[in-house]
């Protein structure tokens, strides 16, 4: 008797309904029709009879398929900062990556660096300038096919917090006595509290 078993997530049998299948005879085989990438994995063939212990052999089935982009991450950065664009693809065999800008292939030079490891590729910009903003294309390819995705590097405008500047000047022709402090509220300026002969800045609540 020959028993074919599958470990993990590989195929069960041709009709995908069982994890093992028994055969009677000296030679048997397992046929998988319309195999998919999810059916790749390790299979075990076990031969046994009443005379001796079972003989077990294992075989791994690899299903090749063309690349599919699984993640393409755009980014934003301010000028003078670093930026990173990431592209990931699923494929067997492992895909090769290329980066393009306006139909021109990008190489690791002039402040740009490409790092591709396994199913992931990174495009790094060391010092972002105005010329770096725009659309980029990540291309993933193996012997079965090619696919691509568009990524964008956006300009991130830094928010600059402005503080009021200037000086206080002496005010003339004021009455000798004030019943209460006088508050001057200029447009888009800090508040000031006037007390007799000096002007003291006061924080706006």
C-alpha atoms as a PDB file:
ATOM      1  CA  UNK A   1       0.000   0.000   0.000  1.00  0.00           C
ATOM      2  CA  UNK A   2       1.212   3.501  -0.869  1.00  0.00           C
ATOM      3  CA  UNK A   3      -0.004   6.556   1.035  1.00  0.00           C
ATOM      4  CA  UNK A   4       0.601  10.090  -0.232  1.00  0.00           C
ATOM      5  CA  UNK A   5       0.239  12.773   2.419  1.00  0.00           C
ATOM      6  CA  UNK A   6       0.635  16.523   2.314  1.00  0.00           C
ATOM      7  CA  UNK A   7       2.031  18.704   5.087  1.00  0.00           C
ATOM      8  CA  UNK A   8       1.114  22.324   5.625  1.00  0.00           C
ATOM      9  CA  UNK A   9      -1.092  23.972   3.025  1.00  0.00           C
ATOM     10  CA  UNK A  10      -0.303  21.899  -0.081  1.00  0.00           C
ATOM     11  CA  UNK A  11      -2.823  19.970  -2.200  1.00  0.00           C
ATOM     12  CA  UNK A  12      -4.969  17.277  -0.623  1.00  0.00           C
ATOM     13  CA  UNK A  13      -5.582  15.269  -3.829  1.00  0.00           C
ATOM     14  CA  UNK A  14      -6.771  15.999  -7.330  1.00  0.00           C
ATOM     15  CA  UNK A  15     -10.234  16.916  -6.097  1.00  0.00           C
ATOM     16  CA  UNK A  16      -8.809  18.847  -3.084  1.00  0.00           C
ATOM     17  CA  UNK A  17     -11.001  16.986  -0.587  1.00  0.00           C
ATOM     18  CA  UNK A  18      -8.554  14.947   1.526  1.00  0.00           C
ATOM     19  CA  UNK A  19      -5.137  15.321   3.129  1.00  0.00           C
ATOM     20  CA  UNK A  20      -4.011  11.821   2.165  1.00  0.00           C
ATOM     21  CA  UNK A  21      -4.747   9.217  -0.470  1.00  0.00           C
ATOM     22  CA  UNK A  22      -4.105   5.487  -0.469  1.00  0.00           C
ATOM     23  CA  UNK A  23      -3.097   3.429  -3.501  1.00  0.00           C
ATOM     24  CA  UNK A  24      -2.906  -0.317  -4.020  1.00  0.00           C
ATOM     25  CA  UNK A  25      -0.148  -1.614  -6.283  1.00  0.00           C
ATOM     26  CA  UNK A  26       3.547  -1.297  -7.000  1.00  0.00           C
ATOM     27  CA  UNK A  27       3.514   2.018  -8.869  1.00  0.00           C
ATOM     28  CA  UNK A  28       1.224   4.952  -8.225  1.00  0.00           C
ATOM     29  CA  UNK A  29       1.335   8.708  -8.673  1.00  0.00           C
ATOM     30  CA  UNK A  30      -0.544  11.772  -7.460  1.00  0.00           C
ATOM     31  CA  UNK A  31      -1.870  14.022 -10.200  1.00  0.00           C
ATOM     32  CA  UNK A  32      -2.762  17.636  -9.358  1.00  0.00           C
ATOM     33  CA  UNK A  33      -4.923  19.361 -11.933  1.00  0.00           C
ATOM     34  CA  UNK A  34      -4.979  23.148 -12.210  1.00  0.00           C
ATOM     35  CA  UNK A  35      -2.430  23.660  -9.457  1.00  0.00           C
ATOM     36  CA  UNK A  36      -2.317  27.066  -7.760  1.00  0.00           C
ATOM     37  CA  UNK A  37       0.332  28.883  -5.745  1.00  0.00           C
ATOM     38  CA  UNK A  38      -1.470  27.989  -2.507  1.00  0.00           C
ATOM     39  CA  UNK A  39      -0.881  24.309  -3.243  1.00  0.00           C
ATOM     40  CA  UNK A  40       2.883  24.525  -3.093  1.00  0.00           C
ATOM     41  CA  UNK A  41       4.473  22.731  -0.159  1.00  0.00           C
ATOM     42  CA  UNK A  42       5.999  19.493   1.063  1.00  0.00           C
ATOM     43  CA  UNK A  43       4.471  16.117   0.188  1.00  0.00           C
ATOM     44  CA  UNK A  44       5.216  12.767   1.776  1.00  0.00           C
ATOM     45  CA  UNK A  45       4.999   9.349   0.144  1.00  0.00           C
ATOM     46  CA  UNK A  46       4.805   6.388   2.500  1.00  0.00           C
ATOM     47  CA  UNK A  47       5.042   2.772   1.270  1.00  0.00           C
ATOM     48  CA  UNK A  48       4.085   0.021   3.699  1.00  0.00           C
ATOM     49  CA  UNK A  49       3.105  -3.639   3.869  1.00  0.00           C
ATOM     50  CA  UNK A  50       2.824  -6.357   6.505  1.00  0.00           C
ATOM     51  CA  UNK A  51       6.423  -7.515   6.083  1.00  0.00           C
ATOM     52  CA  UNK A  52       8.466  -4.440   7.044  1.00  0.00           C
ATOM     53  CA  UNK A  53       8.127  -0.973   8.479  1.00  0.00           C
ATOM     54  CA  UNK A  54       7.017   1.853   6.231  1.00  0.00           C
ATOM     55  CA  UNK A  55       9.446   3.537   3.848  1.00  0.00           C
ATOM     56  CA  UNK A  56       8.911   7.306   3.686  1.00  0.00           C
ATOM     57  CA  UNK A  57      10.104   9.801   1.098  1.00  0.00           C
ATOM     58  CA  UNK A  58       9.395  13.516   0.902  1.00  0.00           C
ATOM     59  CA  UNK A  59       9.158  15.830  -2.071  1.00  0.00           C
ATOM     60  CA  UNK A  60       8.610  19.578  -2.192  1.00  0.00           C
ATOM     61  CA  UNK A  61       6.359  21.054  -4.863  1.00  0.00           C
ATOM     62  CA  UNK A  62       7.148  24.616  -5.930  1.00  0.00           C
ATOM     63  CA  UNK A  63       4.574  26.536  -7.938  1.00  0.00           C
ATOM     64  CA  UNK A  64       6.026  29.320 -10.060  1.00  0.00           C
ATOM     65  CA  UNK A  65       3.940  32.419 -10.755  1.00  0.00           C
ATOM     66  CA  UNK A  66       4.478  35.936 -12.134  1.00  0.00           C
ATOM     67  CA  UNK A  67       4.966  38.970  -9.875  1.00  0.00           C
ATOM     68  CA  UNK A  68       2.102  40.753  -8.177  1.00  0.00           C
ATOM     69  CA  UNK A  69       2.672  44.094  -6.440  1.00  0.00           C
ATOM     70  CA  UNK A  70       1.538  43.637  -2.835  1.00  0.00           C
ATOM     71  CA  UNK A  71       2.511  47.072  -1.499  1.00  0.00           C
ATOM     72  CA  UNK A  72       3.638  50.361  -3.010  1.00  0.00           C
ATOM     73  CA  UNK A  73       4.182  53.078  -0.423  1.00  0.00           C
ATOM     74  CA  UNK A  74       4.403  56.716  -1.488  1.00  0.00           C
ATOM     75  CA  UNK A  75       5.913  59.291   0.843  1.00  0.00           C
ATOM     76  CA  UNK A  76       6.311  62.992   1.524  1.00  0.00           C
ATOM     77  CA  UNK A  77       9.376  64.929   2.581  1.00  0.00           C
ATOM     78  CA  UNK A  78      10.586  68.497   2.897  1.00  0.00           C
ATOM     79  CA  UNK A  79      13.556  69.790   0.923  1.00  0.00           C
ATOM     80  CA  UNK A  80      16.834  68.971   2.593  1.00  0.00           C
ATOM     81  CA  UNK A  81      15.405  65.888   4.300  1.00  0.00           C
ATOM     82  CA  UNK A  82      15.655  62.166   3.559  1.00  0.00           C
ATOM     83  CA  UNK A  83      12.905  60.281   1.728  1.00  0.00           C
ATOM     84  CA  UNK A  84      12.035  56.616   1.219  1.00  0.00           C
ATOM     85  CA  UNK A  85       9.793  54.879  -1.336  1.00  0.00           C
ATOM     86  CA  UNK A  86       8.979  51.194  -0.782  1.00  0.00           C
ATOM     87  CA  UNK A  87       7.764  48.570  -3.237  1.00  0.00           C
ATOM     88  CA  UNK A  88       6.946  44.913  -2.469  1.00  0.00           C
ATOM     89  CA  UNK A  89       5.991  42.083  -4.820  1.00  0.00           C
ATOM     90  CA  UNK A  90       5.035  38.420  -4.463  1.00  0.00           C
ATOM     91  CA  UNK A  91       6.487  36.034  -7.066  1.00  0.00           C
ATOM     92  CA  UNK A  92       8.234  32.708  -7.623  1.00  0.00           C
ATOM     93  CA  UNK A  93      11.014  32.836  -8.675  1.00  0.00           C
ATOM     94  CA  UNK A  94      11.909  35.919  -6.613  1.00  0.00           C
ATOM     95  CA  UNK A  95      11.408  39.040  -8.745  1.00  0.00           C
ATOM     96  CA  UNK A  96      14.021  41.492  -9.929  1.00  0.00           C
ATOM     97  CA  UNK A  97      13.263  45.173  -9.336  1.00  0.00           C
ATOM     98  CA  UNK A  98      13.880  48.298 -11.385  1.00  0.00           C
ATOM     99  CA  UNK A  99      12.954  51.935 -10.686  1.00  0.00           C
ATOM    100  CA  UNK A 100      12.040  54.548 -13.293  1.00  0.00           C
ATOM    101  CA  UNK A 101      11.442  58.292 -13.357  1.00  0.00           C
ATOM    102  CA  UNK A 102       9.799  59.714 -16.490  1.00  0.00           C
ATOM    103  CA  UNK A 103      10.643  56.547 -18.479  1.00  0.00           C
ATOM    104  CA  UNK A 104      14.303  56.825 -17.449  1.00  0.00           C
ATOM    105  CA  UNK A 105      15.786  54.009 -15.401  1.00  0.00           C
ATOM    106  CA  UNK A 106      17.188  55.089 -12.043  1.00  0.00           C
ATOM    107  CA  UNK A 107      20.579  53.908 -10.813  1.00  0.00           C
ATOM    108  CA  UNK A 108      22.194  54.266  -7.400  1.00  0.00           C
ATOM    109  CA  UNK A 109      23.904  57.599  -8.013  1.00  0.00           C
ATOM    110  CA  UNK A 110      23.549  61.338  -7.426  1.00  0.00           C
ATOM    111  CA  UNK A 111      22.057  61.000  -3.969  1.00  0.00           C
ATOM    112  CA  UNK A 112      19.737  58.111  -4.927  1.00  0.00           C
ATOM    113  CA  UNK A 113      20.208  54.581  -3.617  1.00  0.00           C
ATOM    114  CA  UNK A 114      18.296  51.402  -4.476  1.00  0.00           C
ATOM    115  CA  UNK A 115      18.248  48.425  -2.097  1.00  0.00           C
ATOM    116  CA  UNK A 116      16.425  45.266  -3.173  1.00  0.00           C
ATOM    117  CA  UNK A 117      16.186  42.255  -0.867  1.00  0.00           C
ATOM    118  CA  UNK A 118      13.939  39.303  -1.637  1.00  0.00           C
ATOM    119  CA  UNK A 119      10.428  40.548  -2.325  1.00  0.00           C
ATOM    120  CA  UNK A 120      11.105  44.177  -1.332  1.00  0.00           C
ATOM    121  CA  UNK A 121      12.831  47.112  -3.002  1.00  0.00           C
ATOM    122  CA  UNK A 122      13.599  50.526  -1.481  1.00  0.00           C
ATOM    123  CA  UNK A 123      14.397  53.790  -3.243  1.00  0.00           C
ATOM    124  CA  UNK A 124      16.170  56.179  -0.865  1.00  0.00           C
ATOM    125  CA  UNK A 125      16.833  59.880  -1.418  1.00  0.00           C
ATOM    126  CA  UNK A 126      19.601  61.220   0.813  1.00  0.00           C
ATOM    127  CA  UNK A 127      18.900  64.943   0.375  1.00  0.00           C
ATOM    128  CA  UNK A 128      15.577  65.886  -1.210  1.00  0.00           C
ATOM    129  CA  UNK A 129      15.551  68.769  -3.703  1.00  0.00           C
ATOM    130  CA  UNK A 130      12.776  70.233  -5.841  1.00  0.00           C
ATOM    131  CA  UNK A 131      13.806  67.960  -8.717  1.00  0.00           C
ATOM    132  CA  UNK A 132      13.043  64.830  -6.686  1.00  0.00           C
ATOM    133  CA  UNK A 133       9.323  65.505  -6.284  1.00  0.00           C
ATOM    134  CA  UNK A 134       6.951  63.674  -8.601  1.00  0.00           C
ATOM    135  CA  UNK A 135       6.009  60.246  -9.912  1.00  0.00           C
ATOM    136  CA  UNK A 136       8.191  57.126  -9.752  1.00  0.00           C
ATOM    137  CA  UNK A 137       7.578  53.653 -11.197  1.00  0.00           C
ATOM    138  CA  UNK A 138       8.572  50.393  -9.538  1.00  0.00           C
ATOM    139  CA  UNK A 139       8.899  47.413 -11.918  1.00  0.00           C
ATOM    140  CA  UNK A 140       8.998  43.802 -10.679  1.00  0.00           C
ATOM    141  CA  UNK A 141       9.805  40.988 -13.115  1.00  0.00           C
ATOM    142  CA  UNK A 142      10.694  37.322 -13.306  1.00  0.00           C
ATOM    143  CA  UNK A 143      10.738  34.773 -16.134  1.00  0.00           C
ATOM    144  CA  UNK A 144       6.940  34.447 -16.017  1.00  0.00           C
ATOM    145  CA  UNK A 145       5.879  38.071 -16.206  1.00  0.00           C
ATOM    146  CA  UNK A 146       6.282  41.765 -15.415  1.00  0.00           C
ATOM    147  CA  UNK A 147       4.216  44.175 -13.351  1.00  0.00           C
ATOM    148  CA  UNK A 148       4.631  47.743 -12.120  1.00  0.00           C
ATOM    149  CA  UNK A 149       3.227  50.307  -9.711  1.00  0.00           C
ATOM    150  CA  UNK A 150       3.350  54.100  -9.477  1.00  0.00           C
ATOM    151  CA  UNK A 151       4.599  55.839  -6.350  1.00  0.00           C
ATOM    152  CA  UNK A 152       4.777  59.540  -5.525  1.00  0.00           C
ATOM    153  CA  UNK A 153       7.169  61.689  -3.581  1.00  0.00           C
ATOM    154  CA  UNK A 154       5.188  64.664  -2.324  1.00  0.00           C
ATOM    155  CA  UNK A 155       6.510  67.946  -1.019  1.00  0.00           C
ATOM    156  CA  UNK A 156       5.994  68.392   2.697  1.00  0.00           C
ATOM    157  CA  UNK A 157       5.905  72.070   3.599  1.00  0.00           C
ATOM    158  CA  UNK A 158       7.353  72.683   7.030  1.00  0.00           C
ATOM    159  CA  UNK A 159       5.214  74.757   9.358  1.00  0.00           C
ATOM    160  CA  UNK A 160       7.231  77.636  10.754  1.00  0.00           C
ATOM    161  CA  UNK A 161       5.975  79.119  13.997  1.00  0.00           C
ATOM    162  CA  UNK A 162       6.403  82.885  13.982  1.00  0.00           C
ATOM    163  CA  UNK A 163       6.888  84.896  17.152  1.00  0.00           C
ATOM    164  CA  UNK A 164       6.205  88.639  17.382  1.00  0.00           C
ATOM    165  CA  UNK A 165       9.207  90.916  17.221  1.00  0.00           C
ATOM    166  CA  UNK A 166       9.628  94.618  17.792  1.00  0.00           C
ATOM    167  CA  UNK A 167      10.094  97.111  20.603  1.00  0.00           C
ATOM    168  CA  UNK A 168       7.989  99.123  23.013  1.00  0.00           C
ATOM    169  CA  UNK A 169       7.958 102.891  22.619  1.00  0.00           C
ATOM    170  CA  UNK A 170       7.068 105.507  25.192  1.00  0.00           C
ATOM    171  CA  UNK A 171       3.562 106.879  24.808  1.00  0.00           C
ATOM    172  CA  UNK A 172       2.971 110.611  25.289  1.00  0.00           C
ATOM    173  CA  UNK A 173       0.034 112.820  26.263  1.00  0.00           C
ATOM    174  CA  UNK A 174      -1.457 110.312  28.652  1.00  0.00           C
ATOM    175  CA  UNK A 175      -3.601 111.393  31.607  1.00  0.00           C
ATOM    176  CA  UNK A 176      -1.834 111.514  34.971  1.00  0.00           C
ATOM    177  CA  UNK A 177      -4.208 109.009  36.496  1.00  0.00           C
ATOM    178  CA  UNK A 178      -5.929 106.029  34.943  1.00  0.00           C
ATOM    179  CA  UNK A 179      -8.957 104.476  36.553  1.00  0.00           C
ATOM    180  CA  UNK A 180      -7.939 101.054  35.233  1.00  0.00           C
ATOM    181  CA  UNK A 181      -5.216  99.604  32.989  1.00  0.00           C
ATOM    182  CA  UNK A 182      -5.706 100.351  29.304  1.00  0.00           C
ATOM    183  CA  UNK A 183      -5.410  97.403  26.910  1.00  0.00           C
ATOM    184  CA  UNK A 184      -4.250  98.034  23.335  1.00  0.00           C
ATOM    185  CA  UNK A 185      -5.152  95.257  20.876  1.00  0.00           C
ATOM    186  CA  UNK A 186      -3.383  95.775  17.530  1.00  0.00           C
ATOM    187  CA  UNK A 187      -4.318  93.439  14.656  1.00  0.00           C
ATOM    188  CA  UNK A 188      -2.288  90.183  14.650  1.00  0.00           C
ATOM    189  CA  UNK A 189       0.007  91.485  17.385  1.00  0.00           C
ATOM    190  CA  UNK A 190       0.490  90.499  21.035  1.00  0.00           C
ATOM    191  CA  UNK A 191      -1.601  92.172  23.724  1.00  0.00           C
ATOM    192  CA  UNK A 192      -0.091  94.948  25.811  1.00  0.00           C
ATOM    193  CA  UNK A 193      -1.202  96.253  29.195  1.00  0.00           C
ATOM    194  CA  UNK A 194      -0.676  99.987  29.721  1.00  0.00           C
ATOM    195  CA  UNK A 195      -0.073 101.071  33.319  1.00  0.00           C
ATOM    196  CA  UNK A 196       0.618 104.791  33.784  1.00  0.00           C
ATOM    197  CA  UNK A 197       4.135 105.349  32.467  1.00  0.00           C
ATOM    198  CA  UNK A 198       5.268 101.943  31.214  1.00  0.00           C
ATOM    199  CA  UNK A 199       4.049  99.338  28.787  1.00  0.00           C
ATOM    200  CA  UNK A 200       4.274  95.704  29.829  1.00  0.00           C
ATOM    201  CA  UNK A 201       3.633  92.815  27.416  1.00  0.00           C
ATOM    202  CA  UNK A 202       0.931  90.383  28.444  1.00  0.00           C
ATOM    203  CA  UNK A 203       0.277  86.921  27.048  1.00  0.00           C
ATOM    204  CA  UNK A 204      -2.937  86.505  25.102  1.00  0.00           C
ATOM    205  CA  UNK A 205      -5.309  83.970  26.686  1.00  0.00           C
END
